[in-house]
PDB file of N, CA and C in Angstrom:
ATOM      1  N   MET A   1      99.179 116.549  90.755  1.00  0.00           N
ATOM      2  CA  MET A   1     100.603 116.284  90.913  1.00  0.00           C
ATOM      3  C   MET A   1     101.375 117.598  90.976  1.00  0.00           C
ATOM      4  N   GLU A   2     102.273 117.683  91.924  1.00  0.00           N
ATOM      5  CA  GLU A   2     103.069 118.897  92.099  1.00  0.00           C
ATOM      6  C   GLU A   2     104.137 119.003  91.021  1.00  0.00           C
ATOM      7  N   GLU A   3     104.340 120.231  90.522  1.00  0.00           N
ATOM      8  CA  GLU A   3     105.363 120.487  89.509  1.00  0.00           C
ATOM      9  C   GLU A   3     106.752 120.265  90.107  1.00  0.00           C
ATOM     10  N   LEU A   4     107.608 119.553  89.368  1.00  0.00           N
ATOM     11  CA  LEU A   4     108.968 119.302  89.811  1.00  0.00           C
ATOM     12  C   LEU A   4     109.790 120.581  89.704  1.00  0.00           C
ATOM     13  N   LYS A   5     110.469 120.925  90.774  1.00  0.00           N
ATOM     14  CA  LYS A   5     111.334 122.113  90.808  1.00  0.00           C
ATOM     15  C   LYS A   5     112.761 121.647  90.546  1.00  0.00           C
ATOM     16  N   ILE A   6     113.411 122.256  89.553  1.00  0.00           N
ATOM     17  CA  ILE A   6     114.723 121.778  89.099  1.00  0.00           C
ATOM     18  C   ILE A   6     115.794 122.858  89.219  1.00  0.00           C
ATOM     19  N   ALA A   7     117.007 122.416  89.584  1.00  0.00           N
ATOM     20  CA  ALA A   7     118.210 123.237  89.539  1.00  0.00           C
ATOM     21  C   ALA A   7     119.251 122.463  88.736  1.00  0.00           C
ATOM     22  N   LEU A   8     120.009 123.154  87.903  1.00  0.00           N
ATOM     23  CA  LEU A   8     121.003 122.495  87.064  1.00  0.00           C
ATOM     24  C   LEU A   8     122.427 122.828  87.493  1.00  0.00           C
ATOM     25  N   LYS A   9     123.214 121.756  87.646  1.00  0.00           N
ATOM     26  CA  LYS A   9     124.652 121.861  87.893  1.00  0.00           C
ATOM     27  C   LYS A   9     125.300 121.543  86.550  1.00  0.00           C
ATOM     28  N   VAL A  10     125.892 122.546  85.920  1.00  0.00           N
ATOM     29  CA  VAL A  10     126.335 122.428  84.538  1.00  0.00           C
ATOM     30  C   VAL A  10     127.683 121.726  84.389  1.00  0.00           C
ATOM     31  N   ASN A  11     128.611 122.001  85.299  1.00  0.00           N
ATOM     32  CA  ASN A  11     129.975 121.485  85.182  1.00  0.00           C
ATOM     33  C   ASN A  11     130.316 120.685  86.436  1.00  0.00           C
ATOM     34  N   ASP A  12     131.119 119.638  86.283  1.00  0.00           N
ATOM     35  CA  ASP A  12     131.512 118.811  87.432  1.00  0.00           C
ATOM     36  C   ASP A  12     132.220 119.612  88.521  1.00  0.00           C
ATOM     37  N   LEU A  13     132.878 120.713  88.156  1.00  0.00           N
ATOM     38  CA  LEU A  13     133.598 121.547  89.122  1.00  0.00           C
ATOM     39  C   LEU A  13     132.672 122.462  89.926  1.00  0.00           C
ATOM     40  N   ASP A  14     131.439 122.635  89.452  1.00  0.00           N
ATOM     41  CA  ASP A  14     130.518 123.592  90.076  1.00  0.00           C
ATOM     42  C   ASP A  14     130.153 123.191  91.497  1.00  0.00           C
ATOM     43  N   ASN A  15     130.096 124.198  92.385  1.00  0.00           N
ATOM     44  CA  ASN A  15     129.578 123.961  93.733  1.00  0.00           C
ATOM     45  C   ASN A  15     128.273 124.718  93.951  1.00  0.00           C
ATOM     46  N   VAL A  16     127.722 125.260  92.848  1.00  0.00           N
ATOM     47  CA  VAL A  16     126.388 125.857  92.849  1.00  0.00           C
ATOM     48  C   VAL A  16     125.599 125.307  91.660  1.00  0.00           C
ATOM     49  N   ALA A  17     124.275 125.384  91.792  1.00  0.00           N
ATOM     50  CA  ALA A  17     123.371 124.990  90.706  1.00  0.00           C
ATOM     51  C   ALA A  17     122.396 126.133  90.481  1.00  0.00           C
ATOM     52  N   THR A  18     121.941 126.281  89.238  1.00  0.00           N
ATOM     53  CA  THR A  18     121.032 127.352  88.864  1.00  0.00           C
ATOM     54  C   THR A  18     119.588 126.871  88.913  1.00  0.00           C
ATOM     55  N   ILE A  19     118.735 127.638  89.574  1.00  0.00           N
ATOM     56  CA  ILE A  19     117.317 127.306  89.709  1.00  0.00           C
ATOM     57  C   ILE A  19     116.588 127.598  88.395  1.00  0.00           C
ATOM     58  N   PHE A  20     115.829 126.612  87.906  1.00  0.00           N
ATOM     59  CA  PHE A  20     115.004 126.792  86.718  1.00  0.00           C
ATOM     60  C   PHE A  20     113.547 126.538  87.075  1.00  0.00           C
ATOM     61  N   ALA A  21     113.048 127.353  87.995  1.00  0.00           N
ATOM     62  CA  ALA A  21     111.654 127.283  88.437  1.00  0.00           C
ATOM     63  C   ALA A  21     111.304 128.597  89.104  1.00  0.00           C
ATOM     64  N   ASN A  22     110.051 128.962  89.032  1.00  0.00           N
ATOM     65  CA  ASN A  22     109.556 130.155  89.719  1.00  0.00           C
ATOM     66  C   ASN A  22     109.003 129.768  91.073  1.00  0.00           C
ATOM     67  N   GLY A  23     108.949 130.732  91.974  1.00  0.00           N
ATOM     68  CA  GLY A  23     108.289 130.531  93.251  1.00  0.00           C
ATOM     69  C   GLY A  23     109.029 129.645  94.229  1.00  0.00           C
ATOM     70  N   ILE A  24     110.356 129.604  94.138  1.00  0.00           N
ATOM     71  CA  ILE A  24     111.133 128.798  95.083  1.00  0.00           C
ATOM     72  C   ILE A  24     111.274 129.583  96.384  1.00  0.00           C
ATOM     73  N   THR A  25     110.741 129.007  97.462  1.00  0.00           N
ATOM     74  CA  THR A  25     110.785 129.670  98.758  1.00  0.00           C
ATOM     75  C   THR A  25     111.480 128.781  99.780  1.00  0.00           C
ATOM     76  N   ASP A  26     111.875 129.406 100.863  1.00  0.00           N
ATOM     77  CA  ASP A  26     112.599 128.734 101.938  1.00  0.00           C
ATOM     78  C   ASP A  26     111.898 127.444 102.363  1.00  0.00           C
ATOM     79  N   GLY A  27     112.658 126.358 102.412  1.00  0.00           N
ATOM     80  CA  GLY A  27     112.134 125.077 102.863  1.00  0.00           C
ATOM     81  C   GLY A  27     111.606 124.168 101.765  1.00  0.00           C
ATOM     82  N   MET A  28     111.492 124.672 100.541  1.00  0.00           N
ATOM     83  CA  MET A  28     111.021 123.837  99.426  1.00  0.00           C
ATOM     84  C   MET A  28     112.111 122.846  99.022  1.00  0.00           C
ATOM     85  N   ASP A  29     111.695 121.739  98.447  1.00  0.00           N
ATOM     86  CA  ASP A  29     112.629 120.769  97.884  1.00  0.00           C
ATOM     87  C   ASP A  29     112.788 121.025  96.395  1.00  0.00           C
ATOM     88  N   VAL A  30     114.038 120.961  95.928  1.00  0.00           N
ATOM     89  CA  VAL A  30     114.322 121.032  94.497  1.00  0.00           C
ATOM     90  C   VAL A  30     115.213 119.849  94.133  1.00  0.00           C
ATOM     91  N   GLU A  31     115.173 119.487  92.869  1.00  0.00           N
ATOM     92  CA  GLU A  31     116.011 118.396  92.378  1.00  0.00           C
ATOM     93  C   GLU A  31     117.172 118.984  91.601  1.00  0.00           C
ATOM     94  N   ILE A  32     118.392 118.731  92.085  1.00  0.00           N
ATOM     95  CA  ILE A  32     119.593 119.165  91.379  1.00  0.00           C
ATOM     96  C   ILE A  32     119.953 118.071  90.381  1.00  0.00           C
ATOM     97  N   ARG A  33     120.113 118.478  89.128  1.00  0.00           N
ATOM     98  CA  ARG A  33     120.497 117.540  88.064  1.00  0.00           C
ATOM     99  C   ARG A  33     121.811 117.987  87.457  1.00  0.00           C
ATOM    100  N   ASP A  34     122.608 116.997  87.014  1.00  0.00           N
ATOM    101  CA  ASP A  34     123.837 117.333  86.288  1.00  0.00           C
ATOM    102  C   ASP A  34     123.782 116.715  84.898  1.00  0.00           C
ATOM    103  N   LYS A  35     124.806 117.000  84.089  1.00  0.00           N
ATOM    104  CA  LYS A  35     124.794 116.564  82.691  1.00  0.00           C
ATOM    105  C   LYS A  35     124.943 115.053  82.529  1.00  0.00           C
ATOM    106  N   LYS A  36     125.361 114.367  83.588  1.00  0.00           N
ATOM    107  CA  LYS A  36     125.501 112.910  83.545  1.00  0.00           C
ATOM    108  C   LYS A  36     124.184 112.210  83.876  1.00  0.00           C
ATOM    109  N   GLY A  37     123.169 113.002  84.221  1.00  0.00           N
ATOM    110  CA  GLY A  37     121.879 112.421  84.570  1.00  0.00           C
ATOM    111  C   GLY A  37     121.713 112.140  86.055  1.00  0.00           C
ATOM    112  N   ASN A  38     122.721 112.495  86.864  1.00  0.00           N
ATOM    113  CA  ASN A  38     122.591 112.328  88.311  1.00  0.00           C
ATOM    114  C   ASN A  38     121.555 113.302  88.845  1.00  0.00           C
ATOM    115  N   LYS A  39     120.819 112.859  89.856  1.00  0.00           N
ATOM    116  CA  LYS A  39     119.789 113.691  90.469  1.00  0.00           C
ATOM    117  C   LYS A  39     119.901 113.562  91.971  1.00  0.00           C
ATOM    118  N   GLU A  40     119.715 114.679  92.663  1.00  0.00           N
ATOM    119  CA  GLU A  40     119.650 114.640  94.123  1.00  0.00           C
ATOM    120  C   GLU A  40     118.710 115.734  94.593  1.00  0.00           C
ATOM    121  N   GLU A  41     117.951 115.423  95.613  1.00  0.00           N
ATOM    122  CA  GLU A  41     117.016 116.394  96.148  1.00  0.00           C
ATOM    123  C   GLU A  41     117.675 117.170  97.280  1.00  0.00           C
ATOM    124  N   VAL A  42     117.383 118.456  97.335  1.00  0.00           N
ATOM    125  CA  VAL A  42     117.937 119.309  98.382  1.00  0.00           C
ATOM    126  C   VAL A  42     116.845 120.273  98.859  1.00  0.00           C
ATOM    127  N   LYS A  43     116.853 120.578 100.134  1.00  0.00           N
ATOM    128  CA  LYS A  43     115.930 121.559 100.706  1.00  0.00           C
ATOM    129  C   LYS A  43     116.567 122.937 100.593  1.00  0.00           C
ATOM    130  N   VAL A  44     115.839 123.865  99.996  1.00  0.00           N
ATOM    131  CA  VAL A  44     116.345 125.209  99.744  1.00  0.00           C
ATOM    132  C   VAL A  44     116.283 126.052 101.018  1.00  0.00           C
ATOM    133  N   ILE A  45     117.348 126.826 101.231  1.00  0.00           N
ATOM    134  CA  ILE A  45     117.412 127.764 102.348  1.00  0.00           C
ATOM    135  C   ILE A  45     117.354 129.166 101.753  1.00  0.00           C
ATOM    136  N   GLY A  46     116.246 129.848 101.964  1.00  0.00           N
ATOM    137  CA  GLY A  46     116.041 131.191 101.430  1.00  0.00           C
ATOM    138  C   GLY A  46     115.076 131.169 100.258  1.00  0.00           C
ATOM    139  N   ASP A  47     114.587 132.332  99.883  1.00  0.00           N
ATOM    140  CA  ASP A  47     113.727 132.484  98.707  1.00  0.00           C
ATOM    141  C   ASP A  47     114.641 132.755  97.519  1.00  0.00           C
ATOM    142  N   VAL A  48     114.523 131.919  96.478  1.00  0.00           N
ATOM    143  CA  VAL A  48     115.476 131.978  95.363  1.00  0.00           C
ATOM    144  C   VAL A  48     114.745 132.289  94.056  1.00  0.00           C
ATOM    145  N   PRO A  49     115.028 133.438  93.444  1.00  0.00           N
ATOM    146  CA  PRO A  49     114.405 133.777  92.168  1.00  0.00           C
ATOM    147  C   PRO A  49     114.877 132.856  91.028  1.00  0.00           C
ATOM    148  N   TYR A  50     114.061 132.744  89.998  1.00  0.00           N
ATOM    149  CA  TYR A  50     114.399 131.990  88.783  1.00  0.00           C
ATOM    150  C   TYR A  50     115.757 132.462  88.256  1.00  0.00           C
ATOM    151  N   GLY A  51     116.622 131.511  87.910  1.00  0.00           N
ATOM    152  CA  GLY A  51     117.921 131.839  87.327  1.00  0.00           C
ATOM    153  C   GLY A  51     119.016 132.143  88.334  1.00  0.00           C
ATOM    154  N   HIS A  52     118.680 132.123  89.626  1.00  0.00           N
ATOM    155  CA  HIS A  52     119.687 132.373  90.656  1.00  0.00           C
ATOM    156  C   HIS A  52     120.258 131.041  91.157  1.00  0.00           C
ATOM    157  N   LYS A  53     121.231 131.101  92.072  1.00  0.00           N
ATOM    158  CA  LYS A  53     122.021 129.936  92.452  1.00  0.00           C
ATOM    159  C   LYS A  53     121.736 129.444  93.862  1.00  0.00           C
ATOM    160  N   ILE A  54     121.904 128.123  94.031  1.00  0.00           N
ATOM    161  CA  ILE A  54     121.938 127.515  95.360  1.00  0.00           C
ATOM    162  C   ILE A  54     123.220 126.685  95.464  1.00  0.00           C
ATOM    163  N   ALA A  55     123.682 126.502  96.694  1.00  0.00           N
ATOM    164  CA  ALA A  55     124.876 125.686  96.922  1.00  0.00           C
ATOM    165  C   ALA A  55     124.525 124.210  96.809  1.00  0.00           C
ATOM    166  N   VAL A  56     125.355 123.449  96.084  1.00  0.00           N
ATOM    167  CA  VAL A  56     125.127 122.007  95.963  1.00  0.00           C
ATOM    168  C   VAL A  56     125.825 121.243  97.086  1.00  0.00           C
ATOM    169  N   LYS A  57     126.670 121.948  97.839  1.00  0.00           N
ATOM    170  CA  LYS A  57     127.363 121.381  98.989  1.00  0.00           C
ATOM    171  C   LYS A  57     127.684 122.535  99.931  1.00  0.00           C
ATOM    172  N   ALA A  58     128.101 122.222 101.131  1.00  0.00           N
ATOM    173  CA  ALA A  58     128.522 123.273 102.059  1.00  0.00           C
ATOM    174  C   ALA A  58     129.761 123.968 101.487  1.00  0.00           C
ATOM    175  N   ILE A  59     129.773 125.293 101.589  1.00  0.00           N
ATOM    176  CA  ILE A  59     130.887 126.107 101.098  1.00  0.00           C
ATOM    177  C   ILE A  59     131.380 126.951 102.275  1.00  0.00           C
ATOM    178  N   SER A  60     132.653 126.851 102.575  1.00  0.00           N
ATOM    179  CA  SER A  60     133.222 127.590 103.705  1.00  0.00           C
ATOM    180  C   SER A  60     133.553 129.026 103.324  1.00  0.00           C
ATOM    181  N   LYS A  61     133.504 129.910 104.315  1.00  0.00           N
ATOM    182  CA  LYS A  61     133.907 131.299 104.111  1.00  0.00           C
ATOM    183  C   LYS A  61     135.306 131.314 103.513  1.00  0.00           C
ATOM    184  N   GLY A  62     135.501 132.101 102.462  1.00  0.00           N
ATOM    185  CA  GLY A  62     136.797 132.203 101.793  1.00  0.00           C
ATOM    186  C   GLY A  62     136.984 131.212 100.662  1.00  0.00           C
ATOM    187  N   GLU A  63     136.074 130.244 100.546  1.00  0.00           N
ATOM    188  CA  GLU A  63     136.176 129.229  99.494  1.00  0.00           C
ATOM    189  C   GLU A  63     135.688 129.802  98.161  1.00  0.00           C
ATOM    190  N   GLN A  64     136.309 129.350  97.087  1.00  0.00           N
ATOM    191  CA  GLN A  64     135.923 129.751  95.739  1.00  0.00           C
ATOM    192  C   GLN A  64     134.523 129.228  95.419  1.00  0.00           C
ATOM    193  N   ILE A  65     133.736 130.053  94.750  1.00  0.00           N
ATOM    194  CA  ILE A  65     132.426 129.630  94.252  1.00  0.00           C
ATOM    195  C   ILE A  65     132.556 129.470  92.748  1.00  0.00           C
ATOM    196  N   THR A  66     132.155 128.297  92.251  1.00  0.00           N
ATOM    197  CA  THR A  66     132.347 127.934  90.851  1.00  0.00           C
ATOM    198  C   THR A  66     131.003 127.653  90.187  1.00  0.00           C
ATOM    199  N   LYS A  67     130.786 128.310  89.034  1.00  0.00           N
ATOM    200  CA  LYS A  67     129.579 128.117  88.223  1.00  0.00           C
ATOM    201  C   LYS A  67     130.020 127.991  86.775  1.00  0.00           C
ATOM    202  N   TYR A  68     129.461 127.035  86.045  1.00  0.00           N
ATOM    203  CA  TYR A  68     129.834 126.759  84.653  1.00  0.00           C
ATOM    204  C   TYR A  68     131.324 126.455  84.525  1.00  0.00           C
ATOM    205  N   GLY A  69     131.914 125.895  85.595  1.00  0.00           N
ATOM    206  CA  GLY A  69     133.325 125.540  85.575  1.00  0.00           C
ATOM    207  C   GLY A  69     134.271 126.710  85.776  1.00  0.00           C
ATOM    208  N   GLU A  70     133.728 127.902  86.031  1.00  0.00           N
ATOM    209  CA  GLU A  70     134.534 129.112  86.184  1.00  0.00           C
ATOM    210  C   GLU A  70     134.358 129.685  87.587  1.00  0.00           C
ATOM    211  N   GLU A  71     135.445 130.226  88.144  1.00  0.00           N
ATOM    212  CA  GLU A  71     135.352 130.899  89.432  1.00  0.00           C
ATOM    213  C   GLU A  71     134.566 132.184  89.257  1.00  0.00           C
ATOM    214  N   ILE A  72     133.486 132.339  90.046  1.00  0.00           N
ATOM    215  CA  ILE A  72     132.688 133.561  89.956  1.00  0.00           C
ATOM    216  C   ILE A  72     132.835 134.429  91.190  1.00  0.00           C
ATOM    217  N   GLY A  73     133.480 133.899  92.221  1.00  0.00           N
ATOM    218  CA  GLY A  73     133.666 134.699  93.416  1.00  0.00           C
ATOM    219  C   GLY A  73     134.129 133.868  94.592  1.00  0.00           C
ATOM    220  N   ILE A  74     134.075 134.508  95.754  1.00  0.00           N
ATOM    221  CA  ILE A  74     134.520 133.919  97.009  1.00  0.00           C
ATOM    222  C   ILE A  74     133.374 134.036  98.014  1.00  0.00           C
ATOM    223  N   ALA A  75     133.173 132.994  98.790  1.00  0.00           N
ATOM    224  CA  ALA A  75     132.140 133.030  99.843  1.00  0.00           C
ATOM    225  C   ALA A  75     132.558 133.987 100.943  1.00  0.00           C
ATOM    226  N   THR A  76     131.683 134.923 101.286  1.00  0.00           N
ATOM    227  CA  THR A  76     131.972 135.886 102.349  1.00  0.00           C
ATOM    228  C   THR A  76     131.483 135.372 103.706  1.00  0.00           C
ATOM    229  N   HIS A  77     130.702 134.299 103.699  1.00  0.00           N
ATOM    230  CA  HIS A  77     130.193 133.644 104.904  1.00  0.00           C
ATOM    231  C   HIS A  77     130.173 132.145 104.628  1.00  0.00           C
ATOM    232  N   ASP A  78     130.069 131.328 105.665  1.00  0.00           N
ATOM    233  CA  ASP A  78     129.817 129.904 105.455  1.00  0.00           C
ATOM    234  C   ASP A  78     128.443 129.772 104.807  1.00  0.00           C
ATOM    235  N   ILE A  79     128.342 128.901 103.809  1.00  0.00           N
ATOM    236  CA  ILE A  79     127.099 128.694 103.071  1.00  0.00           C
ATOM    237  C   ILE A  79     126.701 127.228 103.206  1.00  0.00           C
ATOM    238  N   LYS A  80     125.475 126.990 103.594  1.00  0.00           N
ATOM    239  CA  LYS A  80     124.984 125.621 103.767  1.00  0.00           C
ATOM    240  C   LYS A  80     124.509 125.038 102.441  1.00  0.00           C
ATOM    241  N   ARG A  81     124.527 123.710 102.349  1.00  0.00           N
ATOM    242  CA  ARG A  81     123.984 123.015 101.178  1.00  0.00           C
ATOM    243  C   ARG A  81     122.530 123.436 101.005  1.00  0.00           C
ATOM    244  N   GLY A  82     122.175 123.852  99.785  1.00  0.00           N
ATOM    245  CA  GLY A  82     120.818 124.280  99.488  1.00  0.00           C
ATOM    246  C   GLY A  82     120.567 125.762  99.680  1.00  0.00           C
ATOM    247  N   GLU A  83     121.538 126.474 100.257  1.00  0.00           N
ATOM    248  CA  GLU A  83     121.343 127.898 100.550  1.00  0.00           C
ATOM    249  C   GLU A  83     121.470 128.758  99.300  1.00  0.00           C
ATOM    250  N   TYR A  84     120.667 129.803  99.260  1.00  0.00           N
ATOM    251  CA  TYR A  84     120.712 130.803  98.195  1.00  0.00           C
ATOM    252  C   TYR A  84     122.098 131.443  98.179  1.00  0.00           C
ATOM    253  N   VAL A  85     122.742 131.487  97.016  1.00  0.00           N
ATOM    254  CA  VAL A  85     124.073 132.083  96.856  1.00  0.00           C
ATOM    255  C   VAL A  85     123.925 133.320  95.979  1.00  0.00           C
ATOM    256  N   HIS A  86     124.206 134.479  96.569  1.00  0.00           N
ATOM    257  CA  HIS A  86     124.057 135.748  95.843  1.00  0.00           C
ATOM    258  C   HIS A  86     124.936 136.791  96.536  1.00  0.00           C
ATOM    259  N   VAL A  87     124.694 138.064  96.282  1.00  0.00           N
ATOM    260  CA  VAL A  87     125.570 139.132  96.771  1.00  0.00           C
ATOM    261  C   VAL A  87     125.657 139.207  98.298  1.00  0.00           C
ATOM    262  N   HIS A  88     124.706 138.646  99.021  1.00  0.00           N
ATOM    263  CA  HIS A  88     124.740 138.686 100.483  1.00  0.00           C
ATOM    264  C   HIS A  88     125.761 137.717 101.075  1.00  0.00           C
ATOM    265  N   ASN A  89     126.238 136.736 100.283  1.00  0.00           N
ATOM    266  CA  ASN A  89     127.230 135.778 100.792  1.00  0.00           C
ATOM    267  C   ASN A  89     128.299 135.434  99.753  1.00  0.00           C
ATOM    268  N   LEU A  90     128.397 136.251  98.707  1.00  0.00           N
ATOM    269  CA  LEU A  90     129.344 136.040  97.610  1.00  0.00           C
ATOM    270  C   LEU A  90     129.990 137.374  97.264  1.00  0.00           C
ATOM    271  N   ASP A  91     131.306 137.394  97.198  1.00  0.00           N
ATOM    272  CA  ASP A  91     132.040 138.576  96.755  1.00  0.00           C
ATOM    273  C   ASP A  91     132.562 138.272  95.364  1.00  0.00           C
ATOM    274  N   SER A  92     132.045 138.967  94.374  1.00  0.00           N
ATOM    275  CA  SER A  92     132.416 138.720  92.987  1.00  0.00           C
ATOM    276  C   SER A  92     133.879 139.052  92.758  1.00  0.00           C
ATOM    277  N   MET A  93     134.509 138.255  91.918  1.00  0.00           N
ATOM    278  CA  MET A  93     135.903 138.506  91.564  1.00  0.00           C
ATOM    279  C   MET A  93     136.005 139.239  90.220  1.00  0.00           C
ATOM    280  N   ARG A  94     134.863 139.575  89.644  1.00  0.00           N
ATOM    281  CA  ARG A  94     134.857 140.218  88.328  1.00  0.00           C
ATOM    282  C   ARG A  94     134.396 141.662  88.446  1.00  0.00           C
ATOM    283  N   GLY A  95     134.970 142.510  87.661  1.00  0.00           N
ATOM    284  CA  GLY A  95     134.525 143.883  87.584  1.00  0.00           C
ATOM    285  C   GLY A  95     134.668 144.663  88.883  1.00  0.00           C
ATOM    286  N   ARG A  96     135.682 144.327  89.674  1.00  0.00           N
ATOM    287  CA  ARG A  96     135.848 145.005  90.954  1.00  0.00           C
ATOM    288  C   ARG A  96     136.861 146.132  90.811  1.00  0.00           C
ATOM    289  N   GLY A  97     136.505 147.183  90.110  1.00  0.00           N
ATOM    290  CA  GLY A  97     137.397 148.324  89.917  1.00  0.00           C
ATOM    291  C   GLY A  97     137.782 148.996  91.218  1.00  0.00           C
ATOM    292  N   ASP A  98     136.927 148.842  92.255  1.00  0.00           N
ATOM    293  CA  ASP A  98     137.216 149.465  93.532  1.00  0.00           C
ATOM    294  C   ASP A  98     138.371 148.786  94.277  1.00  0.00           C
ATOM    295  N   LEU A  99     138.756 147.597  93.822  1.00  0.00           N
ATOM    296  CA  LEU A  99     139.841 146.880  94.482  1.00  0.00           C
ATOM    297  C   LEU A  99     141.183 147.046  93.778  1.00  0.00           C
ATOM    298  N   GLU A 100     141.167 147.676  92.616  1.00  0.00           N
ATOM    299  CA  GLU A 100     142.410 147.842  91.856  1.00  0.00           C
ATOM    300  C   GLU A 100     143.301 148.877  92.522  1.00  0.00           C
ATOM    301  N   LYS A 101     144.584 148.632  92.489  1.00  0.00           N
ATOM    302  CA  LYS A 101     145.545 149.561  93.107  1.00  0.00           C
ATOM    303  C   LYS A 101     146.209 150.401  92.051  1.00  0.00           C
TER     304      LYS A 101
END
């Protein structure tokens, strides 16, 4: 039996889920779970390390990215459901001293 690959969506406001499995590669299926017990399967786009994020829905360029109910950044590109969300398509809103005037 194949090991179940899981991603957790912690807050209802979240549009990303955190991967809790090793060896997640492009095209694999993972099960997104939330605190209410809802489950949905999604095909992952990209290779995603343990503890990193995938989109639980399509996210448009310029849209806020929310994790744990908090805004963590803005999408710098359109992001597809299941796609790896990291520095290549996310501009962090925290610790950006280079943007201060």
